[in-house]
Amino acid sequence: MSSVLVPVRNLWFERLTSPKRLRLFVWLSLATQILIVVTGGLVRLTGSGLGCPTWPKCTDESLVSTSEMGIHGVIEFGNRLLTFVLLIVALLTFSTIIRALLCIQPVCTSWRIAASIIG
């Protein structure tokens, strides 16, 4: 019997980065960038820049802001969390654009093989 190597397809990734979702990801990217600017301005205006004095922990015992930090800790920690949301949306947008632009049949097949080897 001969075994044929068939690349494992990441169906969840293909669905997630479908070119049909590009418009959604672009709008989400714009919205998260606006939100990070607004929350950064809020941090600056309220003086919450040291709401969480250390990174990545807000205190020696906690990754999240505590009640002693008050509203400043909440504002600073919210801004930190929004950074990760922005990163995820930006990566999804980038990978969707790359997939849409480079998915010419021979190139698309090679990308799928490379993705199955790496992932």
PDB file of N, CA and C in Angstrom:
ATOM      1  N   MET A   1       0.835  -1.179   0.000  1.00  0.00           N
ATOM      2  CA  MET A   1       0.000   0.000   0.000  1.00  0.00           C
ATOM      3  C   MET A   1       0.882   1.246   0.000  1.00  0.00           C
ATOM      4  N   SER A   2       0.517   2.167  -0.782  1.00  0.00           N
ATOM      5  CA  SER A   2       1.280   3.416  -0.797  1.00  0.00           C
ATOM      6  C   SER A   2       0.506   4.469  -0.021  1.00  0.00           C
ATOM      7  N   SER A   3       1.252   5.163   0.772  1.00  0.00           N
ATOM      8  CA  SER A   3       0.603   6.225   1.534  1.00  0.00           C
ATOM      9  C   SER A   3       0.875   7.556   0.840  1.00  0.00           C
ATOM     10  N   VAL A   4      -0.138   8.313   0.728  1.00  0.00           N
ATOM     11  CA  VAL A   4      -0.036   9.613   0.095  1.00  0.00           C
ATOM     12  C   VAL A   4      -0.073  10.667   1.187  1.00  0.00           C
ATOM     13  N   LEU A   5       0.907  11.546   1.157  1.00  0.00           N
ATOM     14  CA  LEU A   5       0.940  12.624   2.138  1.00  0.00           C
ATOM     15  C   LEU A   5      -0.037  13.708   1.728  1.00  0.00           C
ATOM     16  N   VAL A   6      -1.015  13.917   2.544  1.00  0.00           N
ATOM     17  CA  VAL A   6      -2.013  14.948   2.294  1.00  0.00           C
ATOM     18  C   VAL A   6      -1.867  15.979   3.402  1.00  0.00           C
ATOM     19  N   PRO A   7      -1.662  17.238   3.027  1.00  0.00           N
ATOM     20  CA  PRO A   7      -1.505  18.243   4.079  1.00  0.00           C
ATOM     21  C   PRO A   7      -2.786  18.379   4.909  1.00  0.00           C
ATOM     22  N   VAL A   8      -2.598  18.500   6.187  1.00  0.00           N
ATOM     23  CA  VAL A   8      -3.729  18.697   7.084  1.00  0.00           C
ATOM     24  C   VAL A   8      -4.229  20.122   6.896  1.00  0.00           C
ATOM     25  N   ARG A   9      -5.494  20.238   6.650  1.00  0.00           N
ATOM     26  CA  ARG A   9      -6.064  21.559   6.425  1.00  0.00           C
ATOM     27  C   ARG A   9      -6.611  22.103   7.736  1.00  0.00           C
ATOM     28  N   ASN A  10      -6.280  23.330   7.997  1.00  0.00           N
ATOM     29  CA  ASN A  10      -6.798  24.006   9.171  1.00  0.00           C
ATOM     30  C   ASN A  10      -8.107  24.682   8.790  1.00  0.00           C
ATOM     31  N   LEU A  11      -9.187  23.938   8.908  1.00  0.00           N
ATOM     32  CA  LEU A  11     -10.480  24.470   8.480  1.00  0.00           C
ATOM     33  C   LEU A  11     -10.904  25.676   9.297  1.00  0.00           C
ATOM     34  N   TRP A  12     -10.616  25.667  10.582  1.00  0.00           N
ATOM     35  CA  TRP A  12     -11.005  26.808  11.409  1.00  0.00           C
ATOM     36  C   TRP A  12     -10.260  28.059  10.965  1.00  0.00           C
ATOM     37  N   PHE A  13      -8.982  27.912  10.597  1.00  0.00           N
ATOM     38  CA  PHE A  13      -8.204  29.071  10.148  1.00  0.00           C
ATOM     39  C   PHE A  13      -8.694  29.545   8.782  1.00  0.00           C
ATOM     40  N   GLU A  14      -9.035  28.601   7.911  1.00  0.00           N
ATOM     41  CA  GLU A  14      -9.543  28.985   6.600  1.00  0.00           C
ATOM     42  C   GLU A  14     -10.874  29.714   6.705  1.00  0.00           C
ATOM     43  N   ARG A  15     -11.718  29.272   7.599  1.00  0.00           N
ATOM     44  CA  ARG A  15     -13.001  29.958   7.797  1.00  0.00           C
ATOM     45  C   ARG A  15     -12.797  31.328   8.421  1.00  0.00           C
ATOM     46  N   LEU A  16     -11.873  31.392   9.384  1.00  0.00           N
ATOM     47  CA  LEU A  16     -11.634  32.642  10.099  1.00  0.00           C
ATOM     48  C   LEU A  16     -11.025  33.699   9.193  1.00  0.00           C
ATOM     49  N   THR A  17     -10.128  33.288   8.295  1.00  0.00           N
ATOM     50  CA  THR A  17      -9.459  34.246   7.421  1.00  0.00           C
ATOM     51  C   THR A  17     -10.023  34.222   6.001  1.00  0.00           C
ATOM     52  N   SER A  18     -11.269  33.875   5.886  1.00  0.00           N
ATOM     53  CA  SER A  18     -11.915  33.877   4.577  1.00  0.00           C
ATOM     54  C   SER A  18     -11.940  35.298   4.022  1.00  0.00           C
ATOM     55  N   PRO A  19     -11.677  35.451   2.733  1.00  0.00           N
ATOM     56  CA  PRO A  19     -11.727  36.794   2.141  1.00  0.00           C
ATOM     57  C   PRO A  19     -13.074  37.481   2.321  1.00  0.00           C
ATOM     58  N   LYS A  20     -14.117  36.723   2.573  1.00  0.00           N
ATOM     59  CA  LYS A  20     -15.433  37.315   2.822  1.00  0.00           C
ATOM     60  C   LYS A  20     -15.448  38.123   4.126  1.00  0.00           C
ATOM     61  N   ARG A  21     -14.529  37.808   5.022  1.00  0.00           N
ATOM     62  CA  ARG A  21     -14.485  38.499   6.313  1.00  0.00           C
ATOM     63  C   ARG A  21     -13.554  39.702   6.315  1.00  0.00           C
ATOM     64  N   LEU A  22     -12.935  39.996   5.200  1.00  0.00           N
ATOM     65  CA  LEU A  22     -11.959  41.088   5.150  1.00  0.00           C
ATOM     66  C   LEU A  22     -12.577  42.421   5.546  1.00  0.00           C
ATOM     67  N   ARG A  23     -13.743  42.728   5.020  1.00  0.00           N
ATOM     68  CA  ARG A  23     -14.403  43.997   5.359  1.00  0.00           C
ATOM     69  C   ARG A  23     -14.661  44.092   6.864  1.00  0.00           C
ATOM     70  N   LEU A  24     -15.106  42.987   7.475  1.00  0.00           N
ATOM     71  CA  LEU A  24     -15.343  42.972   8.922  1.00  0.00           C
ATOM     72  C   LEU A  24     -14.057  43.250   9.687  1.00  0.00           C
ATOM     73  N   PHE A  25     -12.972  42.581   9.298  1.00  0.00           N
ATOM     74  CA  PHE A  25     -11.705  42.758  10.013  1.00  0.00           C
ATOM     75  C   PHE A  25     -11.136  44.162   9.844  1.00  0.00           C
ATOM     76  N   VAL A  26     -11.333  44.749   8.667  1.00  0.00           N
ATOM     77  CA  VAL A  26     -10.852  46.118   8.455  1.00  0.00           C
ATOM     78  C   VAL A  26     -11.613  47.090   9.356  1.00  0.00           C
ATOM     79  N   TRP A  27     -12.924  46.925   9.449  1.00  0.00           N
ATOM     80  CA  TRP A  27     -13.715  47.798  10.323  1.00  0.00           C
ATOM     81  C   TRP A  27     -13.375  47.563  11.795  1.00  0.00           C
ATOM     82  N   LEU A  28     -13.175  46.295  12.175  1.00  0.00           N
ATOM     83  CA  LEU A  28     -12.772  46.010  13.557  1.00  0.00           C
ATOM     84  C   LEU A  28     -11.404  46.600  13.862  1.00  0.00           C
ATOM     85  N   SER A  29     -10.512  46.553  12.902  1.00  0.00           N
ATOM     86  CA  SER A  29      -9.192  47.133  13.083  1.00  0.00           C
ATOM     87  C   SER A  29      -9.285  48.639  13.297  1.00  0.00           C
ATOM     88  N   LEU A  30     -10.082  49.296  12.487  1.00  0.00           N
ATOM     89  CA  LEU A  30     -10.275  50.742  12.650  1.00  0.00           C
ATOM     90  C   LEU A  30     -10.884  51.054  14.013  1.00  0.00           C
ATOM     91  N   ALA A  31     -11.906  50.308  14.404  1.00  0.00           N
ATOM     92  CA  ALA A  31     -12.568  50.554  15.691  1.00  0.00           C
ATOM     93  C   ALA A  31     -11.622  50.342  16.863  1.00  0.00           C
ATOM     94  N   THR A  32     -10.824  49.273  16.838  1.00  0.00           N
ATOM     95  CA  THR A  32      -9.911  49.033  17.957  1.00  0.00           C
ATOM     96  C   THR A  32      -8.791  50.067  17.995  1.00  0.00           C
ATOM     97  N   GLN A  33      -8.356  50.544  16.841  1.00  0.00           N
ATOM     98  CA  GLN A  33      -7.336  51.594  16.839  1.00  0.00           C
ATOM     99  C   GLN A  33      -7.886  52.904  17.393  1.00  0.00           C
ATOM    100  N   ILE A  34      -9.122  53.212  17.049  1.00  0.00           N
ATOM    101  CA  ILE A  34      -9.755  54.411  17.620  1.00  0.00           C
ATOM    102  C   ILE A  34      -9.894  54.252  19.130  1.00  0.00           C
ATOM    103  N   LEU A  35     -10.323  53.067  19.573  1.00  0.00           N
ATOM    104  CA  LEU A  35     -10.486  52.838  21.004  1.00  0.00           C
ATOM    105  C   LEU A  35      -9.167  52.922  21.755  1.00  0.00           C
ATOM    106  N   ILE A  36      -8.068  52.423  21.183  1.00  0.00           N
ATOM    107  CA  ILE A  36      -6.791  52.488  21.887  1.00  0.00           C
ATOM    108  C   ILE A  36      -6.317  53.935  22.002  1.00  0.00           C
ATOM    109  N   VAL A  37      -6.610  54.749  20.986  1.00  0.00           N
ATOM    110  CA  VAL A  37      -6.257  56.170  21.062  1.00  0.00           C
ATOM    111  C   VAL A  37      -7.099  56.873  22.126  1.00  0.00           C
ATOM    112  N   VAL A  38      -8.396  56.569  22.139  1.00  0.00           N
ATOM    113  CA  VAL A  38      -9.297  57.195  23.123  1.00  0.00           C
ATOM    114  C   VAL A  38      -8.920  56.770  24.546  1.00  0.00           C
ATOM    115  N   THR A  39      -8.695  55.474  24.756  1.00  0.00           N
ATOM    116  CA  THR A  39      -8.336  55.040  26.108  1.00  0.00           C
ATOM    117  C   THR A  39      -6.945  55.536  26.503  1.00  0.00           C
ATOM    118  N   GLY A  40      -6.040  55.661  25.531  1.00  0.00           N
ATOM    119  CA  GLY A  40      -4.730  56.252  25.831  1.00  0.00           C
ATOM    120  C   GLY A  40      -4.868  57.701  26.246  1.00  0.00           C
ATOM    121  N   GLY A  41      -5.747  58.434  25.566  1.00  0.00           N
ATOM    122  CA  GLY A  41      -6.019  59.811  25.969  1.00  0.00           C
ATOM    123  C   GLY A  41      -6.658  59.880  27.342  1.00  0.00           C
ATOM    124  N   LEU A  42      -7.536  58.935  27.629  1.00  0.00           N
ATOM    125  CA  LEU A  42      -8.162  58.882  28.953  1.00  0.00           C
ATOM    126  C   LEU A  42      -7.126  58.605  30.038  1.00  0.00           C
ATOM    127  N   VAL A  43      -6.196  57.726  29.744  1.00  0.00           N
ATOM    128  CA  VAL A  43      -5.112  57.451  30.691  1.00  0.00           C
ATOM    129  C   VAL A  43      -4.320  58.726  30.943  1.00  0.00           C
ATOM    130  N   ARG A  44      -4.013  59.441  29.877  1.00  0.00           N
ATOM    131  CA  ARG A  44      -3.221  60.672  30.001  1.00  0.00           C
ATOM    132  C   ARG A  44      -3.983  61.760  30.747  1.00  0.00           C
ATOM    133  N   LEU A  45      -5.258  61.964  30.398  1.00  0.00           N
ATOM    134  CA  LEU A  45      -6.036  63.041  31.006  1.00  0.00           C
ATOM    135  C   LEU A  45      -6.340  62.801  32.480  1.00  0.00           C
ATOM    136  N   THR A  46      -6.532  61.539  32.853  1.00  0.00           N
ATOM    137  CA  THR A  46      -6.857  61.244  34.246  1.00  0.00           C
ATOM    138  C   THR A  46      -5.620  60.989  35.097  1.00  0.00           C
ATOM    139  N   GLY A  47      -4.456  60.957  34.480  1.00  0.00           N
ATOM    140  CA  GLY A  47      -3.232  60.690  35.232  1.00  0.00           C
ATOM    141  C   GLY A  47      -3.147  59.243  35.688  1.00  0.00           C
ATOM    142  N   SER A  48      -3.756  58.356  34.928  1.00  0.00           N
ATOM    143  CA  SER A  48      -3.787  56.946  35.316  1.00  0.00           C
ATOM    144  C   SER A  48      -2.581  56.166  34.801  1.00  0.00           C
ATOM    145  N   GLY A  49      -1.590  56.844  34.278  1.00  0.00           N
ATOM    146  CA  GLY A  49      -0.441  56.177  33.691  1.00  0.00           C
ATOM    147  C   GLY A  49       0.280  55.247  34.646  1.00  0.00           C
ATOM    148  N   LEU A  50       0.215  55.546  35.915  1.00  0.00           N
ATOM    149  CA  LEU A  50       0.822  54.658  36.897  1.00  0.00           C
ATOM    150  C   LEU A  50      -0.242  53.948  37.720  1.00  0.00           C
ATOM    151  N   GLY A  51      -1.425  53.767  37.114  1.00  0.00           N
ATOM    152  CA  GLY A  51      -2.473  53.011  37.791  1.00  0.00           C
ATOM    153  C   GLY A  51      -2.009  51.599  38.079  1.00  0.00           C
ATOM    154  N   CYS A  52      -1.269  51.009  37.154  1.00  0.00           N
ATOM    155  CA  CYS A  52      -0.598  49.730  37.340  1.00  0.00           C
ATOM    156  C   CYS A  52       0.889  50.014  37.168  1.00  0.00           C
ATOM    157  N   PRO A  53       1.647  50.147  38.261  1.00  0.00           N
ATOM    158  CA  PRO A  53       3.025  50.619  38.165  1.00  0.00           C
ATOM    159  C   PRO A  53       4.010  49.647  37.521  1.00  0.00           C
ATOM    160  N   THR A  54       3.694  48.361  37.496  1.00  0.00           N
ATOM    161  CA  THR A  54       4.641  47.406  36.926  1.00  0.00           C
ATOM    162  C   THR A  54       3.984  46.647  35.784  1.00  0.00           C
ATOM    163  N   TRP A  55       4.810  46.032  34.960  1.00  0.00           N
ATOM    164  CA  TRP A  55       4.310  45.246  33.838  1.00  0.00           C
ATOM    165  C   TRP A  55       4.861  43.845  33.960  1.00  0.00           C
ATOM    166  N   PRO A  56       4.131  42.806  33.772  1.00  0.00           N
ATOM    167  CA  PRO A  56       2.725  42.733  33.389  1.00  0.00           C
ATOM    168  C   PRO A  56       1.782  42.753  34.584  1.00  0.00           C
ATOM    169  N   LYS A  57       2.338  42.666  35.785  1.00  0.00           N
ATOM    170  CA  LYS A  57       1.467  42.661  36.958  1.00  0.00           C
ATOM    171  C   LYS A  57       1.146  44.079  37.392  1.00  0.00           C
ATOM    172  N   CYS A  58      -0.063  44.241  37.953  1.00  0.00           N
ATOM    173  CA  CYS A  58      -0.426  45.544  38.508  1.00  0.00           C
ATOM    174  C   CYS A  58       0.131  45.694  39.923  1.00  0.00           C
ATOM    175  N   THR A  59       0.210  44.601  40.638  1.00  0.00           N
ATOM    176  CA  THR A  59       0.858  44.582  41.953  1.00  0.00           C
ATOM    177  C   THR A  59       1.736  43.336  42.006  1.00  0.00           C
ATOM    178  N   ASP A  60       2.426  43.162  43.101  1.00  0.00           N
ATOM    179  CA  ASP A  60       3.272  41.978  43.235  1.00  0.00           C
ATOM    180  C   ASP A  60       2.462  40.693  43.250  1.00  0.00           C
ATOM    181  N   GLU A  61       1.212  40.766  43.712  1.00  0.00           N
ATOM    182  CA  GLU A  61       0.386  39.574  43.847  1.00  0.00           C
ATOM    183  C   GLU A  61      -0.654  39.410  42.748  1.00  0.00           C
ATOM    184  N   SER A  62      -0.923  40.432  41.959  1.00  0.00           N
ATOM    185  CA  SER A  62      -2.081  40.385  41.066  1.00  0.00           C
ATOM    186  C   SER A  62      -1.741  40.840  39.645  1.00  0.00           C
ATOM    187  N   LEU A  63      -2.310  40.125  38.672  1.00  0.00           N
ATOM    188  CA  LEU A  63      -2.189  40.554  37.283  1.00  0.00           C
ATOM    189  C   LEU A  63      -3.214  41.623  36.924  1.00  0.00           C
ATOM    190  N   VAL A  64      -4.272  41.716  37.694  1.00  0.00           N
ATOM    191  CA  VAL A  64      -5.333  42.688  37.429  1.00  0.00           C
ATOM    192  C   VAL A  64      -5.285  43.792  38.463  1.00  0.00           C
ATOM    193  N   SER A  65      -5.960  44.887  38.145  1.00  0.00           N
ATOM    194  CA  SER A  65      -5.989  45.996  39.097  1.00  0.00           C
ATOM    195  C   SER A  65      -6.800  45.608  40.331  1.00  0.00           C
ATOM    196  N   THR A  66      -6.428  46.158  41.445  1.00  0.00           N
ATOM    197  CA  THR A  66      -7.119  45.866  42.701  1.00  0.00           C
ATOM    198  C   THR A  66      -7.975  47.056  43.106  1.00  0.00           C
ATOM    199  N   SER A  67      -8.821  46.837  44.083  1.00  0.00           N
ATOM    200  CA  SER A  67      -9.730  47.908  44.511  1.00  0.00           C
ATOM    201  C   SER A  67      -8.982  49.086  45.127  1.00  0.00           C
ATOM    202  N   GLU A  68      -7.789  48.858  45.667  1.00  0.00           N
ATOM    203  CA  GLU A  68      -7.009  49.954  46.249  1.00  0.00           C
ATOM    204  C   GLU A  68      -6.545  50.953  45.186  1.00  0.00           C
ATOM    205  N   MET A  69      -6.421  50.468  43.948  1.00  0.00           N
ATOM    206  CA  MET A  69      -5.959  51.340  42.868  1.00  0.00           C
ATOM    207  C   MET A  69      -7.064  52.256  42.371  1.00  0.00           C
ATOM    208  N   GLY A  70      -8.286  51.921  42.671  1.00  0.00           N
ATOM    209  CA  GLY A  70      -9.414  52.756  42.284  1.00  0.00           C
ATOM    210  C   GLY A  70      -9.630  52.798  40.788  1.00  0.00           C
ATOM    211  N   ILE A  71     -10.193  53.895  40.328  1.00  0.00           N
ATOM    212  CA  ILE A  71     -10.533  54.039  38.915  1.00  0.00           C
ATOM    213  C   ILE A  71      -9.289  54.118  38.040  1.00  0.00           C
ATOM    214  N   HIS A  72      -8.180  54.623  38.582  1.00  0.00           N
ATOM    215  CA  HIS A  72      -6.955  54.732  37.798  1.00  0.00           C
ATOM    216  C   HIS A  72      -6.432  53.360  37.383  1.00  0.00           C
ATOM    217  N   GLY A  73      -6.505  52.399  38.274  1.00  0.00           N
ATOM    218  CA  GLY A  73      -6.089  51.044  37.939  1.00  0.00           C
ATOM    219  C   GLY A  73      -6.975  50.416  36.887  1.00  0.00           C
ATOM    220  N   VAL A  74      -8.271  50.688  36.974  1.00  0.00           N
ATOM    221  CA  VAL A  74      -9.211  50.144  35.990  1.00  0.00           C
ATOM    222  C   VAL A  74      -8.943  50.738  34.606  1.00  0.00           C
ATOM    223  N   ILE A  75      -8.729  52.040  34.554  1.00  0.00           N
ATOM    224  CA  ILE A  75      -8.467  52.703  33.271  1.00  0.00           C
ATOM    225  C   ILE A  75      -7.171  52.190  32.661  1.00  0.00           C
ATOM    226  N   GLU A  76      -6.114  52.121  33.445  1.00  0.00           N
ATOM    227  CA  GLU A  76      -4.821  51.655  32.936  1.00  0.00           C
ATOM    228  C   GLU A  76      -4.886  50.201  32.491  1.00  0.00           C
ATOM    229  N   PHE A  77      -5.516  49.357  33.307  1.00  0.00           N
ATOM    230  CA  PHE A  77      -5.581  47.937  32.956  1.00  0.00           C
ATOM    231  C   PHE A  77      -6.473  47.714  31.739  1.00  0.00           C
ATOM    232  N   GLY A  78      -7.546  48.483  31.611  1.00  0.00           N
ATOM    233  CA  GLY A  78      -8.393  48.397  30.421  1.00  0.00           C
ATOM    234  C   GLY A  78      -7.635  48.764  29.161  1.00  0.00           C
ATOM    235  N   ASN A  79      -6.792  49.775  29.260  1.00  0.00           N
ATOM    236  CA  ASN A  79      -5.962  50.160  28.125  1.00  0.00           C
ATOM    237  C   ASN A  79      -4.973  49.055  27.771  1.00  0.00           C
ATOM    238  N   ARG A  80      -4.412  48.399  28.768  1.00  0.00           N
ATOM    239  CA  ARG A  80      -3.489  47.290  28.518  1.00  0.00           C
ATOM    240  C   ARG A  80      -4.196  46.121  27.835  1.00  0.00           C
ATOM    241  N   LEU A  81      -5.400  45.789  28.293  1.00  0.00           N
ATOM    242  CA  LEU A  81      -6.136  44.677  27.686  1.00  0.00           C
ATOM    243  C   LEU A  81      -6.541  44.984  26.248  1.00  0.00           C
ATOM    244  N   LEU A  82      -6.885  46.224  25.991  1.00  0.00           N
ATOM    245  CA  LEU A  82      -7.286  46.604  24.640  1.00  0.00           C
ATOM    246  C   LEU A  82      -6.127  46.456  23.659  1.00  0.00           C
ATOM    247  N   THR A  83      -4.906  46.582  24.146  1.00  0.00           N
ATOM    248  CA  THR A  83      -3.739  46.374  23.294  1.00  0.00           C
ATOM    249  C   THR A  83      -3.725  44.963  22.729  1.00  0.00           C
ATOM    250  N   PHE A  84      -4.069  43.968  23.540  1.00  0.00           N
ATOM    251  CA  PHE A  84      -4.081  42.585  23.073  1.00  0.00           C
ATOM    252  C   PHE A  84      -5.222  42.342  22.081  1.00  0.00           C
ATOM    253  N   VAL A  85      -6.355  42.976  22.308  1.00  0.00           N
ATOM    254  CA  VAL A  85      -7.465  42.870  21.361  1.00  0.00           C
ATOM    255  C   VAL A  85      -7.047  43.462  20.014  1.00  0.00           C
ATOM    256  N   LEU A  86      -6.388  44.622  20.059  1.00  0.00           N
ATOM    257  CA  LEU A  86      -5.894  45.260  18.844  1.00  0.00           C
ATOM    258  C   LEU A  86      -4.898  44.363  18.116  1.00  0.00           C
ATOM    259  N   LEU A  87      -4.025  43.714  18.851  1.00  0.00           N
ATOM    260  CA  LEU A  87      -3.040  42.813  18.252  1.00  0.00           C
ATOM    261  C   LEU A  87      -3.713  41.645  17.537  1.00  0.00           C
ATOM    262  N   ILE A  88      -4.694  41.031  18.177  1.00  0.00           N
ATOM    263  CA  ILE A  88      -5.395  39.898  17.569  1.00  0.00           C
ATOM    264  C   ILE A  88      -6.126  40.324  16.304  1.00  0.00           C
ATOM    265  N   VAL A  89      -6.830  41.447  16.356  1.00  0.00           N
ATOM    266  CA  VAL A  89      -7.559  41.932  15.179  1.00  0.00           C
ATOM    267  C   VAL A  89      -6.588  42.286  14.059  1.00  0.00           C
ATOM    268  N   ALA A  90      -5.461  42.907  14.388  1.00  0.00           N
ATOM    269  CA  ALA A  90      -4.480  43.264  13.365  1.00  0.00           C
ATOM    270  C   ALA A  90      -3.891  42.019  12.707  1.00  0.00           C
ATOM    271  N   LEU A  91      -3.597  40.987  13.485  1.00  0.00           N
ATOM    272  CA  LEU A  91      -3.065  39.751  12.912  1.00  0.00           C
ATOM    273  C   LEU A  91      -4.095  39.053  12.027  1.00  0.00           C
ATOM    274  N   LEU A  92      -5.348  39.047  12.442  1.00  0.00           N
ATOM    275  CA  LEU A  92      -6.399  38.463  11.615  1.00  0.00           C
ATOM    276  C   LEU A  92      -6.563  39.232  10.304  1.00  0.00           C
ATOM    277  N   THR A  93      -6.528  40.551  10.387  1.00  0.00           N
ATOM    278  CA  THR A  93      -6.655  41.369   9.182  1.00  0.00           C
ATOM    279  C   THR A  93      -5.484  41.113   8.246  1.00  0.00           C
ATOM    280  N   PHE A  94      -4.279  41.084   8.795  1.00  0.00           N
ATOM    281  CA  PHE A  94      -3.085  40.847   7.980  1.00  0.00           C
ATOM    282  C   PHE A  94      -3.131  39.478   7.312  1.00  0.00           C
ATOM    283  N   SER A  95      -3.462  38.450   8.074  1.00  0.00           N
ATOM    284  CA  SER A  95      -3.477  37.111   7.492  1.00  0.00           C
ATOM    285  C   SER A  95      -4.594  36.956   6.456  1.00  0.00           C
ATOM    286  N   THR A  96      -5.708  37.638   6.640  1.00  0.00           N
ATOM    287  CA  THR A  96      -6.791  37.599   5.662  1.00  0.00           C
ATOM    288  C   THR A  96      -6.378  38.295   4.367  1.00  0.00           C
ATOM    289  N   ILE A  97      -5.690  39.423   4.492  1.00  0.00           N
ATOM    290  CA  ILE A  97      -5.221  40.133   3.303  1.00  0.00           C
ATOM    291  C   ILE A  97      -4.185  39.291   2.555  1.00  0.00           C
ATOM    292  N   ILE A  98      -3.253  38.707   3.281  1.00  0.00           N
ATOM    293  CA  ILE A  98      -2.241  37.862   2.641  1.00  0.00           C
ATOM    294  C   ILE A  98      -2.908  36.681   1.948  1.00  0.00           C
ATOM    295  N   ARG A  99      -3.853  36.073   2.612  1.00  0.00           N
ATOM    296  CA  ARG A  99      -4.538  34.923   2.019  1.00  0.00           C
ATOM    297  C   ARG A  99      -5.312  35.327   0.768  1.00  0.00           C
ATOM    298  N   ALA A 100      -5.945  36.490   0.796  1.00  0.00           N
ATOM    299  CA  ALA A 100      -6.718  36.943  -0.356  1.00  0.00           C
ATOM    300  C   ALA A 100      -5.813  37.308  -1.529  1.00  0.00           C
ATOM    301  N   LEU A 101      -4.665  37.917  -1.240  1.00  0.00           N
ATOM    302  CA  LEU A 101      -3.772  38.350  -2.312  1.00  0.00           C
ATOM    303  C   LEU A 101      -2.945  37.221  -2.901  1.00  0.00           C
ATOM    304  N   LEU A 102      -2.545  36.287  -2.077  1.00  0.00           N
ATOM    305  CA  LEU A 102      -1.626  35.249  -2.525  1.00  0.00           C
ATOM    306  C   LEU A 102      -2.292  33.928  -2.856  1.00  0.00           C
ATOM    307  N   CYS A 103      -3.585  33.874  -2.856  1.00  0.00           N
ATOM    308  CA  CYS A 103      -4.249  32.597  -3.064  1.00  0.00           C
ATOM    309  C   CYS A 103      -4.488  32.318  -4.541  1.00  0.00           C
ATOM    310  N   ILE A 104      -3.427  32.425  -5.317  1.00  0.00           N
ATOM    311  CA  ILE A 104      -3.432  31.932  -6.685  1.00  0.00           C
ATOM    312  C   ILE A 104      -3.131  30.447  -6.539  1.00  0.00           C
ATOM    313  N   GLN A 105      -3.702  29.593  -7.347  1.00  0.00           N
ATOM    314  CA  GLN A 105      -3.699  28.156  -7.099  1.00  0.00           C
ATOM    315  C   GLN A 105      -2.342  27.565  -6.709  1.00  0.00           C
ATOM    316  N   PRO A 106      -1.250  27.729  -7.482  1.00  0.00           N
ATOM    317  CA  PRO A 106       0.010  27.114  -7.051  1.00  0.00           C
ATOM    318  C   PRO A 106       0.542  27.718  -5.752  1.00  0.00           C
ATOM    319  N   VAL A 107       0.392  29.030  -5.622  1.00  0.00           N
ATOM    320  CA  VAL A 107       0.881  29.693  -4.415  1.00  0.00           C
ATOM    321  C   VAL A 107       0.034  29.284  -3.223  1.00  0.00           C
ATOM    322  N   CYS A 108      -1.276  29.225  -3.430  1.00  0.00           N
ATOM    323  CA  CYS A 108      -2.189  28.849  -2.350  1.00  0.00           C
ATOM    324  C   CYS A 108      -1.893  27.442  -1.851  1.00  0.00           C
ATOM    325  N   THR A 109      -1.622  26.538  -2.736  1.00  0.00           N
ATOM    326  CA  THR A 109      -1.301  25.168  -2.344  1.00  0.00           C
ATOM    327  C   THR A 109      -0.014  25.127  -1.542  1.00  0.00           C
ATOM    328  N   SER A 110       0.994  25.878  -1.959  1.00  0.00           N
ATOM    329  CA  SER A 110       2.255  25.877  -1.215  1.00  0.00           C
ATOM    330  C   SER A 110       2.094  26.503   0.163  1.00  0.00           C
ATOM    331  N   TRP A 111       1.254  27.543   0.264  1.00  0.00           N
ATOM    332  CA  TRP A 111       0.988  28.143   1.578  1.00  0.00           C
ATOM    333  C   TRP A 111       0.290  27.142   2.491  1.00  0.00           C
ATOM    334  N   ARG A 112      -0.639  26.383   1.950  1.00  0.00           N
ATOM    335  CA  ARG A 112      -1.347  25.389   2.761  1.00  0.00           C
ATOM    336  C   ARG A 112      -0.389  24.302   3.247  1.00  0.00           C
ATOM    337  N   ILE A 113       0.515  23.874   2.376  1.00  0.00           N
ATOM    338  CA  ILE A 113       1.477  22.851   2.783  1.00  0.00           C
ATOM    339  C   ILE A 113       2.388  23.423   3.863  1.00  0.00           C
ATOM    340  N   ALA A 114       2.865  24.633   3.681  1.00  0.00           N
ATOM    341  CA  ALA A 114       3.740  25.253   4.691  1.00  0.00           C
ATOM    342  C   ALA A 114       2.991  25.437   6.004  1.00  0.00           C
ATOM    343  N   ALA A 115       1.744  25.857   5.947  1.00  0.00           N
ATOM    344  CA  ALA A 115       0.967  26.048   7.171  1.00  0.00           C
ATOM    345  C   ALA A 115       0.721  24.735   7.883  1.00  0.00           C
ATOM    346  N   SER A 116       0.522  23.662   7.130  1.00  0.00           N
ATOM    347  CA  SER A 116       0.282  22.372   7.785  1.00  0.00           C
ATOM    348  C   SER A 116       1.563  21.817   8.403  1.00  0.00           C
ATOM    349  N   ILE A 117       2.700  22.134   7.814  1.00  0.00           N
ATOM    350  CA  ILE A 117       3.964  21.692   8.391  1.00  0.00           C
ATOM    351  C   ILE A 117       4.270  22.461   9.666  1.00  0.00           C
ATOM    352  N   ILE A 118       4.085  23.780   9.613  1.00  0.00           N
ATOM    353  CA  ILE A 118       4.381  24.622  10.778  1.00  0.00           C
ATOM    354  C   ILE A 118       3.365  24.425  11.872  1.00  0.00           C
ATOM    355  N   GLY A 119       2.075  24.408  11.492  1.00  0.00           N
ATOM    356  CA  GLY A 119       1.004  24.371  12.495  1.00  0.00           C
ATOM    357  C   GLY A 119       0.643  22.985  12.825  1.00  0.00           C
TER     358      GLY A 119
END
